């Protein structure tokens, strides 16, 4: 768990030093991921991978760079 947390801290630091809006980008990716859900629930392919639902929209990250 400590190593995973260190990776997150490092990634956020690299994004900050690169001038990226990491918080905005993460919110956009979250929005995209949740757009895969149908009625608030994920739809699974073969019981494992989350499918892209009919309302899926890819993340638009250009404005966060």
N, C-alpha and C. Protein backbone atom coordinates (compact mmCIF):
# COMPACT_ATOMS: atom_id res chain seq x y z
N UNK A 1 0.84 -1.20 0.00
CA UNK A 1 0.00 0.00 0.00
C UNK A 1 0.88 1.25 0.00
N UNK A 2 1.96 1.21 0.77
CA UNK A 2 2.87 2.36 0.82
C UNK A 2 3.44 2.65 -0.57
N UNK A 3 3.81 1.60 -1.29
CA UNK A 3 4.36 1.78 -2.63
C UNK A 3 3.34 2.37 -3.60
N UNK A 4 2.09 1.92 -3.49
CA UNK A 4 1.04 2.48 -4.35
C UNK A 4 0.83 3.96 -4.07
N UNK A 5 0.83 4.31 -2.78
CA UNK A 5 0.67 5.73 -2.41
C UNK A 5 1.84 6.55 -2.92
N UNK A 6 3.06 6.00 -2.83
CA UNK A 6 4.24 6.71 -3.35
C UNK A 6 4.11 6.95 -4.85
N UNK A 7 3.56 5.98 -5.58
CA UNK A 7 3.38 6.15 -7.03
C UNK A 7 2.41 7.27 -7.33
N UNK A 8 1.34 7.36 -6.55
CA UNK A 8 0.36 8.43 -6.75
C UNK A 8 0.99 9.79 -6.48
N UNK A 9 1.73 9.90 -5.38
CA UNK A 9 2.40 11.16 -5.03
C UNK A 9 3.37 11.55 -6.13
N UNK A 10 4.13 10.58 -6.63
CA UNK A 10 5.10 10.85 -7.70
C UNK A 10 4.38 11.30 -8.97
N UNK A 11 3.30 10.62 -9.34
CA UNK A 11 2.56 10.98 -10.55
C UNK A 11 1.98 12.38 -10.44
N UNK A 12 1.41 12.71 -9.29
CA UNK A 12 0.84 14.05 -9.10
C UNK A 12 1.95 15.10 -9.18
N UNK A 13 3.11 14.80 -8.59
CA UNK A 13 4.24 15.73 -8.65
C UNK A 13 4.73 15.95 -10.07
N UNK A 14 4.83 14.89 -10.84
CA UNK A 14 5.28 15.01 -12.24
C UNK A 14 4.26 15.84 -13.03
N UNK A 15 2.98 15.59 -12.82
CA UNK A 15 1.94 16.36 -13.51
C UNK A 15 2.04 17.83 -13.16
N UNK A 16 2.21 18.12 -11.87
CA UNK A 16 2.33 19.51 -11.41
C UNK A 16 3.54 20.18 -12.06
N UNK A 17 4.70 19.52 -12.04
CA UNK A 17 5.92 20.10 -12.62
C UNK A 17 5.82 20.26 -14.13
N UNK A 18 4.95 19.47 -14.75
CA UNK A 18 4.75 19.57 -16.20
C UNK A 18 3.71 20.62 -16.57
N UNK A 19 3.09 21.22 -15.56
CA UNK A 19 2.11 22.27 -15.81
C UNK A 19 0.72 21.74 -16.13
N UNK A 20 0.47 20.46 -15.83
CA UNK A 20 -0.84 19.87 -16.09
C UNK A 20 -1.80 20.15 -14.93
N UNK A 21 -3.06 20.30 -15.25
CA UNK A 21 -4.10 20.41 -14.23
C UNK A 21 -4.56 19.00 -13.89
N UNK A 22 -3.82 18.34 -13.01
CA UNK A 22 -4.07 16.93 -12.70
C UNK A 22 -5.42 16.74 -12.03
N UNK A 23 -5.83 17.66 -11.17
CA UNK A 23 -7.12 17.51 -10.50
C UNK A 23 -8.27 17.60 -11.51
N UNK A 24 -8.19 18.54 -12.42
CA UNK A 24 -9.21 18.67 -13.46
C UNK A 24 -9.22 17.46 -14.38
N UNK A 25 -8.03 16.98 -14.74
CA UNK A 25 -7.92 15.82 -15.63
C UNK A 25 -8.49 14.58 -14.95
N UNK A 26 -8.19 14.39 -13.68
CA UNK A 26 -8.74 13.24 -12.95
C UNK A 26 -10.26 13.29 -12.88
N UNK A 27 -10.80 14.46 -12.67
CA UNK A 27 -12.26 14.62 -12.64
C UNK A 27 -12.86 14.27 -14.01
N UNK A 28 -12.20 14.68 -15.07
CA UNK A 28 -12.67 14.39 -16.43
C UNK A 28 -12.62 12.89 -16.72
N UNK A 29 -11.54 12.23 -16.30
CA UNK A 29 -11.42 10.78 -16.50
C UNK A 29 -12.48 10.05 -15.68
N UNK A 30 -12.72 10.51 -14.44
CA UNK A 30 -13.79 9.92 -13.63
C UNK A 30 -15.14 10.05 -14.33
N UNK A 31 -15.41 11.24 -14.86
CA UNK A 31 -16.68 11.47 -15.57
C UNK A 31 -16.81 10.50 -16.74
N UNK A 32 -15.73 10.32 -17.48
CA UNK A 32 -15.74 9.39 -18.61
C UNK A 32 -15.98 7.96 -18.15
N UNK A 33 -15.28 7.55 -17.09
CA UNK A 33 -15.44 6.19 -16.60
C UNK A 33 -16.87 5.93 -16.13
N UNK A 34 -17.46 6.88 -15.43
CA UNK A 34 -18.83 6.70 -14.95
C UNK A 34 -19.85 6.77 -16.08
N UNK A 35 -19.47 7.34 -17.23
CA UNK A 35 -20.41 7.38 -18.36
C UNK A 35 -20.60 5.99 -18.96
N UNK A 36 -19.77 5.04 -18.56
CA UNK A 36 -19.91 3.65 -19.02
C UNK A 36 -21.06 2.95 -18.31
N UNK A 37 -21.49 3.48 -17.16
CA UNK A 37 -22.50 2.82 -16.33
C UNK A 37 -23.90 2.99 -16.93
N UNK A 38 -24.75 2.04 -16.63
CA UNK A 38 -26.16 2.09 -17.01
C UNK A 38 -26.97 2.00 -15.72
N UNK A 39 -27.81 2.99 -15.49
CA UNK A 39 -28.61 3.06 -14.26
C UNK A 39 -27.72 2.99 -13.01
N UNK A 40 -26.55 3.62 -13.09
CA UNK A 40 -25.65 3.68 -11.95
C UNK A 40 -24.84 2.43 -11.69
N UNK A 41 -24.93 1.45 -12.61
CA UNK A 41 -24.23 0.19 -12.40
C UNK A 41 -23.36 -0.14 -13.61
N UNK A 42 -22.17 -0.72 -13.37
CA UNK A 42 -21.32 -1.11 -14.49
C UNK A 42 -21.91 -2.29 -15.26
N UNK A 43 -21.64 -2.33 -16.54
CA UNK A 43 -22.04 -3.44 -17.39
C UNK A 43 -20.76 -4.19 -17.73
N UNK A 44 -20.73 -5.48 -17.43
CA UNK A 44 -19.51 -6.26 -17.62
C UNK A 44 -19.55 -7.10 -18.89
N UNK A 45 -18.40 -7.18 -19.56
CA UNK A 45 -18.21 -8.09 -20.68
C UNK A 45 -17.61 -9.38 -20.12
N UNK A 46 -18.16 -10.50 -20.42
CA UNK A 46 -17.65 -11.79 -19.95
C UNK A 46 -17.44 -11.81 -18.43
N UNK A 47 -18.21 -10.98 -17.70
CA UNK A 47 -18.13 -10.99 -16.24
C UNK A 47 -16.90 -10.34 -15.65
N UNK A 48 -16.03 -9.74 -16.47
CA UNK A 48 -14.78 -9.19 -15.93
C UNK A 48 -14.56 -7.73 -16.30
N UNK A 49 -14.49 -7.44 -17.57
CA UNK A 49 -14.17 -6.09 -18.03
C UNK A 49 -15.43 -5.24 -18.12
N UNK A 50 -15.32 -3.97 -17.68
CA UNK A 50 -16.47 -3.06 -17.77
C UNK A 50 -16.65 -2.63 -19.23
N UNK A 51 -17.86 -2.80 -19.72
CA UNK A 51 -18.21 -2.42 -21.08
C UNK A 51 -18.49 -0.93 -21.17
N UNK A 52 -18.37 -0.39 -22.36
CA UNK A 52 -18.76 1.01 -22.58
C UNK A 52 -20.26 1.02 -22.84
N UNK A 53 -21.00 1.68 -21.97
CA UNK A 53 -22.45 1.76 -22.12
C UNK A 53 -22.85 2.68 -23.24
N UNK A 54 -24.13 2.78 -23.50
CA UNK A 54 -24.62 3.60 -24.62
C UNK A 54 -24.36 5.09 -24.44
N UNK A 55 -24.13 5.55 -23.21
CA UNK A 55 -23.88 6.97 -22.96
C UNK A 55 -22.41 7.28 -22.76
N UNK A 56 -21.53 6.35 -23.13
CA UNK A 56 -20.09 6.54 -22.93
C UNK A 56 -19.59 7.76 -23.69
N UNK A 57 -18.72 8.52 -23.04
CA UNK A 57 -18.04 9.62 -23.70
C UNK A 57 -16.57 9.58 -23.27
N UNK A 58 -15.64 9.60 -24.23
CA UNK A 58 -14.22 9.55 -23.88
C UNK A 58 -13.80 10.83 -23.15
N UNK A 59 -12.75 10.75 -22.34
CA UNK A 59 -12.30 11.95 -21.63
C UNK A 59 -11.73 12.98 -22.60
N UNK A 60 -12.04 14.24 -22.37
CA UNK A 60 -11.52 15.34 -23.18
C UNK A 60 -10.45 16.04 -22.33
N UNK A 61 -9.19 15.73 -22.58
CA UNK A 61 -8.10 16.17 -21.69
C UNK A 61 -7.28 17.33 -22.23
N UNK A 62 -7.55 17.78 -23.45
CA UNK A 62 -6.74 18.85 -24.05
C UNK A 62 -6.65 20.10 -23.17
N UNK A 63 -7.73 20.48 -22.53
CA UNK A 63 -7.74 21.70 -21.76
C UNK A 63 -6.95 21.61 -20.45
N UNK A 64 -6.53 20.41 -20.07
CA UNK A 64 -5.81 20.24 -18.82
C UNK A 64 -4.30 20.18 -19.02
N UNK A 65 -3.86 20.26 -20.28
CA UNK A 65 -2.43 20.21 -20.60
C UNK A 65 -1.87 21.61 -20.60
